[in-house]
Structure formats: C-alpha cells, structure tokens
Amino acid sequence: MRRGSDEQPHGAPRPHGLVEAQLPLDHAPYEALVTAALARTNPT
C-alpha cells in the first residue's frame, strides 16, 4: 500500500486509480485476458 498522505505538495489530491508504482490501472487489456482465459474450455 501507498505510504504517506494521499495529497501531493500544495494540497492537490493524487489522481485515483494509481498504485505504488504510480502507474494507472489499465482495465481493458486485463479484462480481455480474463475473458480469454475463462472462455477456454479445453486449453492445450
């Protein structure tokens, strides 16, 4: 988890959707991976 305040200098809130590495979570590619993984009934 992120340590410290959720505010940047000058009181500006940090953007939501960021993790420790300060990278935005990219929903679409992972949802596509989830869909592909769950759709495979006989993976080889």
ModelCIF file with pLDDT and N, C-alpha, C, O atoms, coordinates in Angstrom:
data_MODEL
#
_entry.id   MODEL 
#
_entity.id                         1 
_entity.type                       polymer 
_entity.pdbx_number_of_molecules   1 
#
_entity_poly.entity_id                      1 
_entity_poly.type                           'polypeptide(L)' 
_entity_poly.nstd_linkage                   no 
_entity_poly.nstd_monomer                   no 
_entity_poly.pdbx_seq_one_letter_code       MRRGSDEQPHGAPRPHGLVEAQLPLDHAPYEALVTAALARTNPT 
_entity_poly.pdbx_seq_one_letter_code_can   MRRGSDEQPHGAPRPHGLVEAQLPLDHAPYEALVTAALARTNPT 
_entity_poly.pdbx_strand_id                 A 
#
loop_
_entity_poly_seq.entity_id 
_entity_poly_seq.num 
_entity_poly_seq.mon_id 
_entity_poly_seq.hetero 
1 1  MET n 
1 2  ARG n 
1 3  ARG n 
1 4  GLY n 
1 5  SER n 
1 6  ASP n 
1 7  GLU n 
1 8  GLN n 
1 9  PRO n 
1 10 HIS n 
1 11 GLY n 
1 12 ALA n 
1 13 PRO n 
1 14 ARG n 
1 15 PRO n 
1 16 HIS n 
1 17 GLY n 
1 18 LEU n 
1 19 VAL n 
1 20 GLU n 
1 21 ALA n 
1 22 GLN n 
1 23 LEU n 
1 24 PRO n 
1 25 LEU n 
1 26 ASP n 
1 27 HIS n 
1 28 ALA n 
1 29 PRO n 
1 30 TYR n 
1 31 GLU n 
1 32 ALA n 
1 33 LEU n 
1 34 VAL n 
1 35 THR n 
1 36 ALA n 
1 37 ALA n 
1 38 LEU n 
1 39 ALA n 
1 40 ARG n 
1 41 THR n 
1 42 ASN n 
1 43 PRO n 
1 44 THR n 
#
_struct_asym.id          A 
_struct_asym.entity_id   1 
#
loop_
_ma_qa_metric.id 
_ma_qa_metric.mode 
_ma_qa_metric.name 
_ma_qa_metric.software_group_id 
_ma_qa_metric.type 
1 global pLDDT . pLDDT 
2 local  pLDDT . pLDDT 
#
_ma_qa_metric_global.metric_id      1 
_ma_qa_metric_global.metric_value   56.27 
_ma_qa_metric_global.model_id       1 
_ma_qa_metric_global.ordinal_id     1 
#
loop_
_ma_qa_metric_local.label_asym_id 
_ma_qa_metric_local.label_comp_id 
_ma_qa_metric_local.label_seq_id 
_ma_qa_metric_local.metric_id 
_ma_qa_metric_local.metric_value 
_ma_qa_metric_local.model_id 
_ma_qa_metric_local.ordinal_id 
A MET 1  2 36.00 1 1  
A ARG 2  2 36.00 1 2  
A ARG 3  2 36.00 1 3  
A GLY 4  2 40.00 1 4  
A SER 5  2 40.00 1 5  
A ASP 6  2 41.00 1 6  
A GLU 7  2 40.00 1 7  
A GLN 8  2 37.00 1 8  
A PRO 9  2 38.00 1 9  
A HIS 10 2 39.00 1 10 
A GLY 11 2 40.00 1 11 
A ALA 12 2 38.00 1 12 
A PRO 13 2 41.00 1 13 
A ARG 14 2 40.00 1 14 
A PRO 15 2 42.00 1 15 
A HIS 16 2 47.00 1 16 
A GLY 17 2 46.00 1 17 
A LEU 18 2 44.00 1 18 
A VAL 19 2 44.00 1 19 
A GLU 20 2 47.00 1 20 
A ALA 21 2 45.00 1 21 
A GLN 22 2 50.00 1 22 
A LEU 23 2 51.00 1 23 
A PRO 24 2 57.00 1 24 
A LEU 25 2 68.00 1 25 
A ASP 26 2 72.00 1 26 
A HIS 27 2 71.00 1 27 
A ALA 28 2 75.00 1 28 
A PRO 29 2 75.00 1 29 
A TYR 30 2 73.00 1 30 
A GLU 31 2 77.00 1 31 
A ALA 32 2 78.00 1 32 
A LEU 33 2 76.00 1 33 
A VAL 34 2 77.00 1 34 
A THR 35 2 78.00 1 35 
A ALA 36 2 77.00 1 36 
A ALA 37 2 76.00 1 37 
A LEU 38 2 73.00 1 38 
A ALA 39 2 77.00 1 39 
A ARG 40 2 70.00 1 40 
A THR 41 2 66.00 1 41 
A ASN 42 2 63.00 1 42 
A PRO 43 2 65.00 1 43 
A THR 44 2 74.00 1 44 
#
loop_
_atom_site.group_PDB 
_atom_site.id 
_atom_site.type_symbol 
_atom_site.label_atom_id 
_atom_site.label_alt_id 
_atom_site.label_comp_id 
_atom_site.label_asym_id 
_atom_site.label_entity_id 
_atom_site.label_seq_id 
_atom_site.pdbx_PDB_ins_code 
_atom_site.Cartn_x 
_atom_site.Cartn_y 
_atom_site.Cartn_z 
_atom_site.occupancy 
_atom_site.B_iso_or_equiv 
_atom_site.pdbx_formal_charge 
_atom_site.auth_seq_id 
_atom_site.auth_comp_id 
_atom_site.auth_asym_id 
_atom_site.auth_atom_id 
_atom_site.pdbx_PDB_model_num 
ATOM 1   N N  . MET A 1 1  ? 0.821   -1.177  0.000   1.00 36.00 ? 1  MET A N  1 
ATOM 2   C CA . MET A 1 1  ? 0.000   0.000   0.000   1.00 36.00 ? 1  MET A CA 1 
ATOM 3   C C  . MET A 1 1  ? 0.866   1.242   0.000   1.00 36.00 ? 1  MET A C  1 
ATOM 4   O O  . MET A 1 1  ? 2.031   1.214   0.397   1.00 36.00 ? 1  MET A O  1 
ATOM 5   N N  . ARG A 1 2  ? 0.278   2.314   -0.448  1.00 36.00 ? 2  ARG A N  1 
ATOM 6   C CA . ARG A 1 2  ? 0.984   3.580   -0.507  1.00 36.00 ? 2  ARG A CA 1 
ATOM 7   C C  . ARG A 1 2  ? 1.189   4.103   0.908   1.00 36.00 ? 2  ARG A C  1 
ATOM 8   O O  . ARG A 1 2  ? 0.282   4.047   1.738   1.00 36.00 ? 2  ARG A O  1 
ATOM 9   N N  . ARG A 1 3  ? 2.360   4.599   1.167   1.00 36.00 ? 3  ARG A N  1 
ATOM 10  C CA . ARG A 1 3  ? 2.652   5.169   2.478   1.00 36.00 ? 3  ARG A CA 1 
ATOM 11  C C  . ARG A 1 3  ? 2.523   6.682   2.379   1.00 36.00 ? 3  ARG A C  1 
ATOM 12  O O  . ARG A 1 3  ? 2.775   7.278   1.332   1.00 36.00 ? 3  ARG A O  1 
ATOM 13  N N  . GLY A 1 4  ? 2.137   7.269   3.460   1.00 40.00 ? 4  GLY A N  1 
ATOM 14  C CA . GLY A 1 4  ? 2.086   8.719   3.495   1.00 40.00 ? 4  GLY A CA 1 
ATOM 15  C C  . GLY A 1 4  ? 0.736   9.255   3.089   1.00 40.00 ? 4  GLY A C  1 
ATOM 16  O O  . GLY A 1 4  ? -0.251  8.522   3.025   1.00 40.00 ? 4  GLY A O  1 
ATOM 17  N N  . SER A 1 5  ? 0.706   10.516  2.822   1.00 40.00 ? 5  SER A N  1 
ATOM 18  C CA . SER A 1 5  ? -0.534  11.222  2.522   1.00 40.00 ? 5  SER A CA 1 
ATOM 19  C C  . SER A 1 5  ? -1.006  10.936  1.114   1.00 40.00 ? 5  SER A C  1 
ATOM 20  O O  . SER A 1 5  ? -0.215  10.573  0.243   1.00 40.00 ? 5  SER A O  1 
ATOM 21  N N  . ASP A 1 6  ? -2.310  11.104  0.893   1.00 41.00 ? 6  ASP A N  1 
ATOM 22  C CA . ASP A 1 6  ? -2.885  10.988  -0.435  1.00 41.00 ? 6  ASP A CA 1 
ATOM 23  C C  . ASP A 1 6  ? -2.856  12.326  -1.151  1.00 41.00 ? 6  ASP A C  1 
ATOM 24  O O  . ASP A 1 6  ? -3.490  12.488  -2.194  1.00 41.00 ? 6  ASP A O  1 
ATOM 25  N N  . GLU A 1 7  ? -2.129  13.279  -0.602  1.00 40.00 ? 7  GLU A N  1 
ATOM 26  C CA . GLU A 1 7  ? -2.068  14.578  -1.230  1.00 40.00 ? 7  GLU A CA 1 
ATOM 27  C C  . GLU A 1 7  ? -0.654  14.853  -1.695  1.00 40.00 ? 7  GLU A C  1 
ATOM 28  O O  . GLU A 1 7  ? 0.333   14.445  -1.082  1.00 40.00 ? 7  GLU A O  1 
ATOM 29  N N  . GLN A 1 8  ? -0.603  15.555  -2.797  1.00 37.00 ? 8  GLN A N  1 
ATOM 30  C CA . GLN A 1 8  ? 0.670   15.988  -3.338  1.00 37.00 ? 8  GLN A CA 1 
ATOM 31  C C  . GLN A 1 8  ? 1.005   17.335  -2.707  1.00 37.00 ? 8  GLN A C  1 
ATOM 32  O O  . GLN A 1 8  ? 0.183   17.895  -1.981  1.00 37.00 ? 8  GLN A O  1 
ATOM 33  N N  . PRO A 1 9  ? 2.188   17.858  -2.970  1.00 38.00 ? 9  PRO A N  1 
ATOM 34  C CA . PRO A 1 9  ? 2.513   19.185  -2.473  1.00 38.00 ? 9  PRO A CA 1 
ATOM 35  C C  . PRO A 1 9  ? 1.440   20.184  -2.907  1.00 38.00 ? 9  PRO A C  1 
ATOM 36  O O  . PRO A 1 9  ? 0.828   20.013  -3.961  1.00 38.00 ? 9  PRO A O  1 
ATOM 37  N N  . HIS A 1 10 ? 1.219   21.180  -2.140  1.00 39.00 ? 10 HIS A N  1 
ATOM 38  C CA . HIS A 1 10 ? 0.242   22.232  -2.387  1.00 39.00 ? 10 HIS A CA 1 
ATOM 39  C C  . HIS A 1 10 ? -1.184  21.741  -2.193  1.00 39.00 ? 10 HIS A C  1 
ATOM 40  O O  . HIS A 1 10 ? -2.119  22.408  -2.635  1.00 39.00 ? 10 HIS A O  1 
ATOM 41  N N  . GLY A 1 11 ? -1.381  20.593  -1.547  1.00 40.00 ? 11 GLY A N  1 
ATOM 42  C CA . GLY A 1 11 ? -2.717  20.118  -1.218  1.00 40.00 ? 11 GLY A CA 1 
ATOM 43  C C  . GLY A 1 11 ? -3.494  19.506  -2.354  1.00 40.00 ? 11 GLY A C  1 
ATOM 44  O O  . GLY A 1 11 ? -4.666  19.182  -2.160  1.00 40.00 ? 11 GLY A O  1 
ATOM 45  N N  . ALA A 1 12 ? -2.922  19.325  -3.530  1.00 38.00 ? 12 ALA A N  1 
ATOM 46  C CA . ALA A 1 12 ? -3.652  18.734  -4.650  1.00 38.00 ? 12 ALA A CA 1 
ATOM 47  C C  . ALA A 1 12 ? -3.786  17.232  -4.422  1.00 38.00 ? 12 ALA A C  1 
ATOM 48  O O  . ALA A 1 12 ? -2.793  16.564  -4.135  1.00 38.00 ? 12 ALA A O  1 
ATOM 49  N N  . PRO A 1 13 ? -5.010  16.685  -4.546  1.00 41.00 ? 13 PRO A N  1 
ATOM 50  C CA . PRO A 1 13 ? -5.167  15.248  -4.348  1.00 41.00 ? 13 PRO A CA 1 
ATOM 51  C C  . PRO A 1 13 ? -4.475  14.462  -5.460  1.00 41.00 ? 13 PRO A C  1 
ATOM 52  O O  . PRO A 1 13 ? -4.385  14.913  -6.601  1.00 41.00 ? 13 PRO A O  1 
ATOM 53  N N  . ARG A 1 14 ? -3.997  13.289  -5.099  1.00 40.00 ? 14 ARG A N  1 
ATOM 54  C CA . ARG A 1 14 ? -3.402  12.412  -6.098  1.00 40.00 ? 14 ARG A CA 1 
ATOM 55  C C  . ARG A 1 14 ? -4.503  11.849  -6.970  1.00 40.00 ? 14 ARG A C  1 
ATOM 56  O O  . ARG A 1 14 ? -5.618  11.634  -6.495  1.00 40.00 ? 14 ARG A O  1 
ATOM 57  N N  . PRO A 1 15 ? -4.210  11.605  -8.248  1.00 42.00 ? 15 PRO A N  1 
ATOM 58  C CA . PRO A 1 15 ? -5.221  11.018  -9.124  1.00 42.00 ? 15 PRO A CA 1 
ATOM 59  C C  . PRO A 1 15 ? -5.599  9.624   -8.634  1.00 42.00 ? 15 PRO A C  1 
ATOM 60  O O  . PRO A 1 15 ? -4.745  8.878   -8.155  1.00 42.00 ? 15 PRO A O  1 
ATOM 61  N N  . HIS A 1 16 ? -6.867  9.277   -8.752  1.00 47.00 ? 16 HIS A N  1 
ATOM 62  C CA . HIS A 1 16 ? -7.323  7.944   -8.357  1.00 47.00 ? 16 HIS A CA 1 
ATOM 63  C C  . HIS A 1 16 ? -6.920  6.918   -9.414  1.00 47.00 ? 16 HIS A C  1 
ATOM 64  O O  . HIS A 1 16 ? -6.664  7.269   -10.566 1.00 47.00 ? 16 HIS A O  1 
ATOM 65  N N  . GLY A 1 17 ? -6.865  5.637   -9.007  1.00 46.00 ? 17 GLY A N  1 
ATOM 66  C CA . GLY A 1 17 ? -6.525  4.565   -9.932  1.00 46.00 ? 17 GLY A CA 1 
ATOM 67  C C  . GLY A 1 17 ? -5.038  4.319   -10.035 1.00 46.00 ? 17 GLY A C  1 
ATOM 68  O O  . GLY A 1 17 ? -4.593  3.651   -10.968 1.00 46.00 ? 17 GLY A O  1 
ATOM 69  N N  . LEU A 1 18 ? -4.263  4.836   -9.112  1.00 44.00 ? 18 LEU A N  1 
ATOM 70  C CA . LEU A 1 18 ? -2.825  4.649   -9.146  1.00 44.00 ? 18 LEU A CA 1 
ATOM 71  C C  . LEU A 1 18 ? -2.405  3.691   -8.048  1.00 44.00 ? 18 LEU A C  1 
ATOM 72  O O  . LEU A 1 18 ? -3.027  3.629   -6.988  1.00 44.00 ? 18 LEU A O  1 
ATOM 73  N N  . VAL A 1 19 ? -1.353  2.950   -8.311  1.00 44.00 ? 19 VAL A N  1 
ATOM 74  C CA . VAL A 1 19 ? -0.818  2.017   -7.327  1.00 44.00 ? 19 VAL A CA 1 
ATOM 75  C C  . VAL A 1 19 ? 0.568   2.490   -6.926  1.00 44.00 ? 19 VAL A C  1 
ATOM 76  O O  . VAL A 1 19 ? 1.016   3.559   -7.342  1.00 44.00 ? 19 VAL A O  1 
ATOM 77  N N  . GLU A 1 20 ? 1.244   1.688   -6.116  1.00 47.00 ? 20 GLU A N  1 
ATOM 78  C CA . GLU A 1 20 ? 2.539   2.100   -5.588  1.00 47.00 ? 20 GLU A CA 1 
ATOM 79  C C  . GLU A 1 20 ? 3.492   2.590   -6.670  1.00 47.00 ? 20 GLU A C  1 
ATOM 80  O O  . GLU A 1 20 ? 4.247   3.536   -6.446  1.00 47.00 ? 20 GLU A O  1 
ATOM 81  N N  . ALA A 1 21 ? 3.466   1.968   -7.820  1.00 45.00 ? 21 ALA A N  1 
ATOM 82  C CA . ALA A 1 21 ? 4.394   2.337   -8.890  1.00 45.00 ? 21 ALA A CA 1 
ATOM 83  C C  . ALA A 1 21 ? 3.973   3.619   -9.603  1.00 45.00 ? 21 ALA A C  1 
ATOM 84  O O  . ALA A 1 21 ? 4.658   4.071   -10.521 1.00 45.00 ? 21 ALA A O  1 
ATOM 85  N N  . GLN A 1 22 ? 2.837   4.215   -9.181  1.00 50.00 ? 22 GLN A N  1 
ATOM 86  C CA . GLN A 1 22 ? 2.339   5.436   -9.781  1.00 50.00 ? 22 GLN A CA 1 
ATOM 87  C C  . GLN A 1 22 ? 1.936   5.241   -11.244 1.00 50.00 ? 22 GLN A C  1 
ATOM 88  O O  . GLN A 1 22 ? 2.027   6.177   -12.039 1.00 50.00 ? 22 GLN A O  1 
ATOM 89  N N  . LEU A 1 23 ? 1.501   4.056   -11.599 1.00 51.00 ? 23 LEU A N  1 
ATOM 90  C CA . LEU A 1 23 ? 1.021   3.768   -12.950 1.00 51.00 ? 23 LEU A CA 1 
ATOM 91  C C  . LEU A 1 23 ? -0.486  3.572   -12.907 1.00 51.00 ? 23 LEU A C  1 
ATOM 92  O O  . LEU A 1 23 ? -0.999  2.938   -11.984 1.00 51.00 ? 23 LEU A O  1 
ATOM 93  N N  . PRO A 1 24 ? -1.206  4.106   -13.893 1.00 57.00 ? 24 PRO A N  1 
ATOM 94  C CA . PRO A 1 24 ? -2.658  3.896   -13.896 1.00 57.00 ? 24 PRO A CA 1 
ATOM 95  C C  . PRO A 1 24 ? -2.985  2.440   -14.224 1.00 57.00 ? 24 PRO A C  1 
ATOM 96  O O  . PRO A 1 24 ? -2.303  1.793   -15.020 1.00 57.00 ? 24 PRO A O  1 
ATOM 97  N N  . LEU A 1 25 ? -4.043  1.947   -13.589 1.00 68.00 ? 25 LEU A N  1 
ATOM 98  C CA . LEU A 1 25 ? -4.502  0.601   -13.899 1.00 68.00 ? 25 LEU A CA 1 
ATOM 99  C C  . LEU A 1 25 ? -5.183  0.640   -15.262 1.00 68.00 ? 25 LEU A C  1 
ATOM 100 O O  . LEU A 1 25 ? -6.043  1.486   -15.506 1.00 68.00 ? 25 LEU A O  1 
ATOM 101 N N  . ASP A 1 26 ? -4.803  -0.268  -16.142 1.00 72.00 ? 26 ASP A N  1 
ATOM 102 C CA . ASP A 1 26 ? -5.366  -0.311  -17.486 1.00 72.00 ? 26 ASP A CA 1 
ATOM 103 C C  . ASP A 1 26 ? -6.351  -1.466  -17.544 1.00 72.00 ? 26 ASP A C  1 
ATOM 104 O O  . ASP A 1 26 ? -5.967  -2.618  -17.745 1.00 72.00 ? 26 ASP A O  1 
ATOM 105 N N  . HIS A 1 27 ? -7.601  -1.148  -17.370 1.00 71.00 ? 27 HIS A N  1 
ATOM 106 C CA . HIS A 1 27 ? -8.677  -2.123  -17.230 1.00 71.00 ? 27 HIS A CA 1 
ATOM 107 C C  . HIS A 1 27 ? -8.844  -3.015  -18.468 1.00 71.00 ? 27 HIS A C  1 
ATOM 108 O O  . HIS A 1 27 ? -8.927  -4.236  -18.332 1.00 71.00 ? 27 HIS A O  1 
ATOM 109 N N  . ALA A 1 28 ? -8.893  -2.441  -19.650 1.00 75.00 ? 28 ALA A N  1 
ATOM 110 C CA . ALA A 1 28 ? -9.262  -3.156  -20.883 1.00 75.00 ? 28 ALA A CA 1 
ATOM 111 C C  . ALA A 1 28 ? -8.392  -4.381  -21.189 1.00 75.00 ? 28 ALA A C  1 
ATOM 112 O O  . ALA A 1 28 ? -8.948  -5.454  -21.424 1.00 75.00 ? 28 ALA A O  1 
ATOM 113 N N  . PRO A 1 29 ? -7.066  -4.277  -21.198 1.00 75.00 ? 29 PRO A N  1 
ATOM 114 C CA . PRO A 1 29 ? -6.282  -5.466  -21.559 1.00 75.00 ? 29 PRO A CA 1 
ATOM 115 C C  . PRO A 1 29 ? -6.453  -6.617  -20.568 1.00 75.00 ? 29 PRO A C  1 
ATOM 116 O O  . PRO A 1 29 ? -6.424  -7.785  -20.955 1.00 75.00 ? 29 PRO A O  1 
ATOM 117 N N  . TYR A 1 30 ? -6.632  -6.286  -19.293 1.00 73.00 ? 30 TYR A N  1 
ATOM 118 C CA . TYR A 1 30 ? -6.779  -7.346  -18.297 1.00 73.00 ? 30 TYR A CA 1 
ATOM 119 C C  . TYR A 1 30 ? -8.157  -7.973  -18.347 1.00 73.00 ? 30 TYR A C  1 
ATOM 120 O O  . TYR A 1 30 ? -8.304  -9.173  -18.115 1.00 73.00 ? 30 TYR A O  1 
ATOM 121 N N  . GLU A 1 31 ? -9.168  -7.174  -18.648 1.00 77.00 ? 31 GLU A N  1 
ATOM 122 C CA . GLU A 1 31 ? -10.497 -7.761  -18.840 1.00 77.00 ? 31 GLU A CA 1 
ATOM 123 C C  . GLU A 1 31 ? -10.488 -8.673  -20.060 1.00 77.00 ? 31 GLU A C  1 
ATOM 124 O O  . GLU A 1 31 ? -11.138 -9.719  -20.051 1.00 77.00 ? 31 GLU A O  1 
ATOM 125 N N  . ALA A 1 32 ? -9.765  -8.297  -21.106 1.00 78.00 ? 32 ALA A N  1 
ATOM 126 C CA . ALA A 1 32 ? -9.648  -9.148  -22.295 1.00 78.00 ? 32 ALA A CA 1 
ATOM 127 C C  . ALA A 1 32 ? -8.931  -10.452 -21.945 1.00 78.00 ? 32 ALA A C  1 
ATOM 128 O O  . ALA A 1 32 ? -9.333  -11.524 -22.400 1.00 78.00 ? 32 ALA A O  1 
ATOM 129 N N  . LEU A 1 33 ? -7.881  -10.364 -21.145 1.00 76.00 ? 33 LEU A N  1 
ATOM 130 C CA . LEU A 1 33 ? -7.163  -11.562 -20.710 1.00 76.00 ? 33 LEU A CA 1 
ATOM 131 C C  . LEU A 1 33 ? -8.070  -12.457 -19.874 1.00 76.00 ? 33 LEU A C  1 
ATOM 132 O O  . LEU A 1 33 ? -8.074  -13.676 -20.049 1.00 76.00 ? 33 LEU A O  1 
ATOM 133 N N  . VAL A 1 34 ? -8.843  -11.852 -18.960 1.00 77.00 ? 34 VAL A N  1 
ATOM 134 C CA . VAL A 1 34 ? -9.770  -12.609 -18.122 1.00 77.00 ? 34 VAL A CA 1 
ATOM 135 C C  . VAL A 1 34 ? -10.792 -13.318 -18.999 1.00 77.00 ? 34 VAL A C  1 
ATOM 136 O O  . VAL A 1 34 ? -11.049 -14.508 -18.818 1.00 77.00 ? 34 VAL A O  1 
ATOM 137 N N  . THR A 1 35 ? -11.371 -12.596 -19.941 1.00 78.00 ? 35 THR A N  1 
ATOM 138 C CA . THR A 1 35 ? -12.372 -13.178 -20.832 1.00 78.00 ? 35 THR A CA 1 
ATOM 139 C C  . THR A 1 35 ? -11.778 -14.332 -21.630 1.00 78.00 ? 35 THR A C  1 
ATOM 140 O O  . THR A 1 35 ? -12.398 -15.389 -21.752 1.00 78.00 ? 35 THR A O  1 
ATOM 141 N N  . ALA A 1 36 ? -10.585 -14.136 -22.169 1.00 77.00 ? 36 ALA A N  1 
ATOM 142 C CA . ALA A 1 36 ? -9.935  -15.194 -22.956 1.00 77.00 ? 36 ALA A CA 1 
ATOM 143 C C  . ALA A 1 36 ? -9.619  -16.416 -22.090 1.00 77.00 ? 36 ALA A C  1 
ATOM 144 O O  . ALA A 1 36 ? -9.829  -17.553 -22.515 1.00 77.00 ? 36 ALA A O  1 
ATOM 145 N N  . ALA A 1 37 ? -9.119  -16.182 -20.891 1.00 76.00 ? 37 ALA A N  1 
ATOM 146 C CA . ALA A 1 37 ? -8.757  -17.303 -20.010 1.00 76.00 ? 37 ALA A CA 1 
ATOM 147 C C  . ALA A 1 37 ? -9.984  -18.093 -19.601 1.00 76.00 ? 37 ALA A C  1 
ATOM 148 O O  . ALA A 1 37 ? -9.942  -19.323 -19.552 1.00 76.00 ? 37 ALA A O  1 
ATOM 149 N N  . LEU A 1 38 ? -11.074 -17.404 -19.307 1.00 73.00 ? 38 LEU A N  1 
ATOM 150 C CA . LEU A 1 38 ? -12.277 -18.090 -18.849 1.00 73.00 ? 38 LEU A CA 1 
ATOM 151 C C  . LEU A 1 38 ? -13.057 -18.724 -19.993 1.00 73.00 ? 38 LEU A C  1 
ATOM 152 O O  . LEU A 1 38 ? -13.846 -19.640 -19.764 1.00 73.00 ? 38 LEU A O  1 
ATOM 153 N N  . ALA A 1 39 ? -12.852 -18.256 -21.216 1.00 77.00 ? 39 ALA A N  1 
ATOM 154 C CA . ALA A 1 39 ? -13.575 -18.806 -22.368 1.00 77.00 ? 39 ALA A CA 1 
ATOM 155 C C  . ALA A 1 39 ? -12.973 -20.125 -22.848 1.00 77.00 ? 39 ALA A C  1 
ATOM 156 O O  . ALA A 1 39 ? -13.642 -20.899 -23.531 1.00 77.00 ? 39 ALA A O  1 
ATOM 157 N N  . ARG A 1 40 ? -11.751 -20.375 -22.504 1.00 70.00 ? 40 ARG A N  1 
ATOM 158 C CA . ARG A 1 40 ? -11.078 -21.602 -22.982 1.00 70.00 ? 40 ARG A CA 1 
ATOM 159 C C  . ARG A 1 40 ? -11.584 -22.791 -22.190 1.00 70.00 ? 40 ARG A C  1 
ATOM 160 O O  . ARG A 1 40 ? -11.347 -22.900 -20.987 1.00 70.00 ? 40 ARG A O  1 
ATOM 161 N N  . THR A 1 41 ? -12.287 -23.687 -22.882 1.00 66.00 ? 41 THR A N  1 
ATOM 162 C CA . THR A 1 41 ? -12.823 -24.862 -22.200 1.00 66.00 ? 41 THR A CA 1 
ATOM 163 C C  . THR A 1 41 ? -11.881 -26.054 -22.298 1.00 66.00 ? 41 THR A C  1 
ATOM 164 O O  . THR A 1 41 ? -11.912 -26.933 -21.436 1.00 66.00 ? 41 THR A O  1 
ATOM 165 N N  . ASN A 1 42 ? -11.057 -26.100 -23.318 1.00 63.00 ? 42 ASN A N  1 
ATOM 166 C CA . ASN A 1 42 ? -10.121 -27.207 -23.481 1.00 63.00 ? 42 ASN A CA 1 
ATOM 167 C C  . ASN A 1 42 ? -8.759  -26.638 -23.861 1.00 63.00 ? 42 ASN A C  1 
ATOM 168 O O  . ASN A 1 42 ? -8.284  -26.867 -24.973 1.00 63.00 ? 42 ASN A O  1 
ATOM 169 N N  . PRO A 1 43 ? -8.125  -25.897 -22.949 1.00 65.00 ? 43 PRO A N  1 
ATOM 170 C CA . PRO A 1 43 ? -6.847  -25.278 -23.280 1.00 65.00 ? 43 PRO A CA 1 
ATOM 171 C C  . PRO A 1 43 ? -5.743  -26.313 -23.472 1.00 65.00 ? 43 PRO A C  1 
ATOM 172 O O  . PRO A 1 43 ? -5.644  -27.283 -22.721 1.00 65.00 ? 43 PRO A O  1 
ATOM 173 N N  . THR A 1 44 ? -4.935  -26.092 -24.469 1.00 74.00 ? 44 THR A N  1 
ATOM 174 C CA . THR A 1 44 ? -3.859  -27.035 -24.778 1.00 74.00 ? 44 THR A CA 1 
ATOM 175 C C  . THR A 1 44 ? -2.535  -26.304 -24.953 1.00 74.00 ? 44 THR A C  1 
ATOM 176 O O  . THR A 1 44 ? -1.511  -26.934 -25.218 1.00 74.00 ? 44 THR A O  1 
#
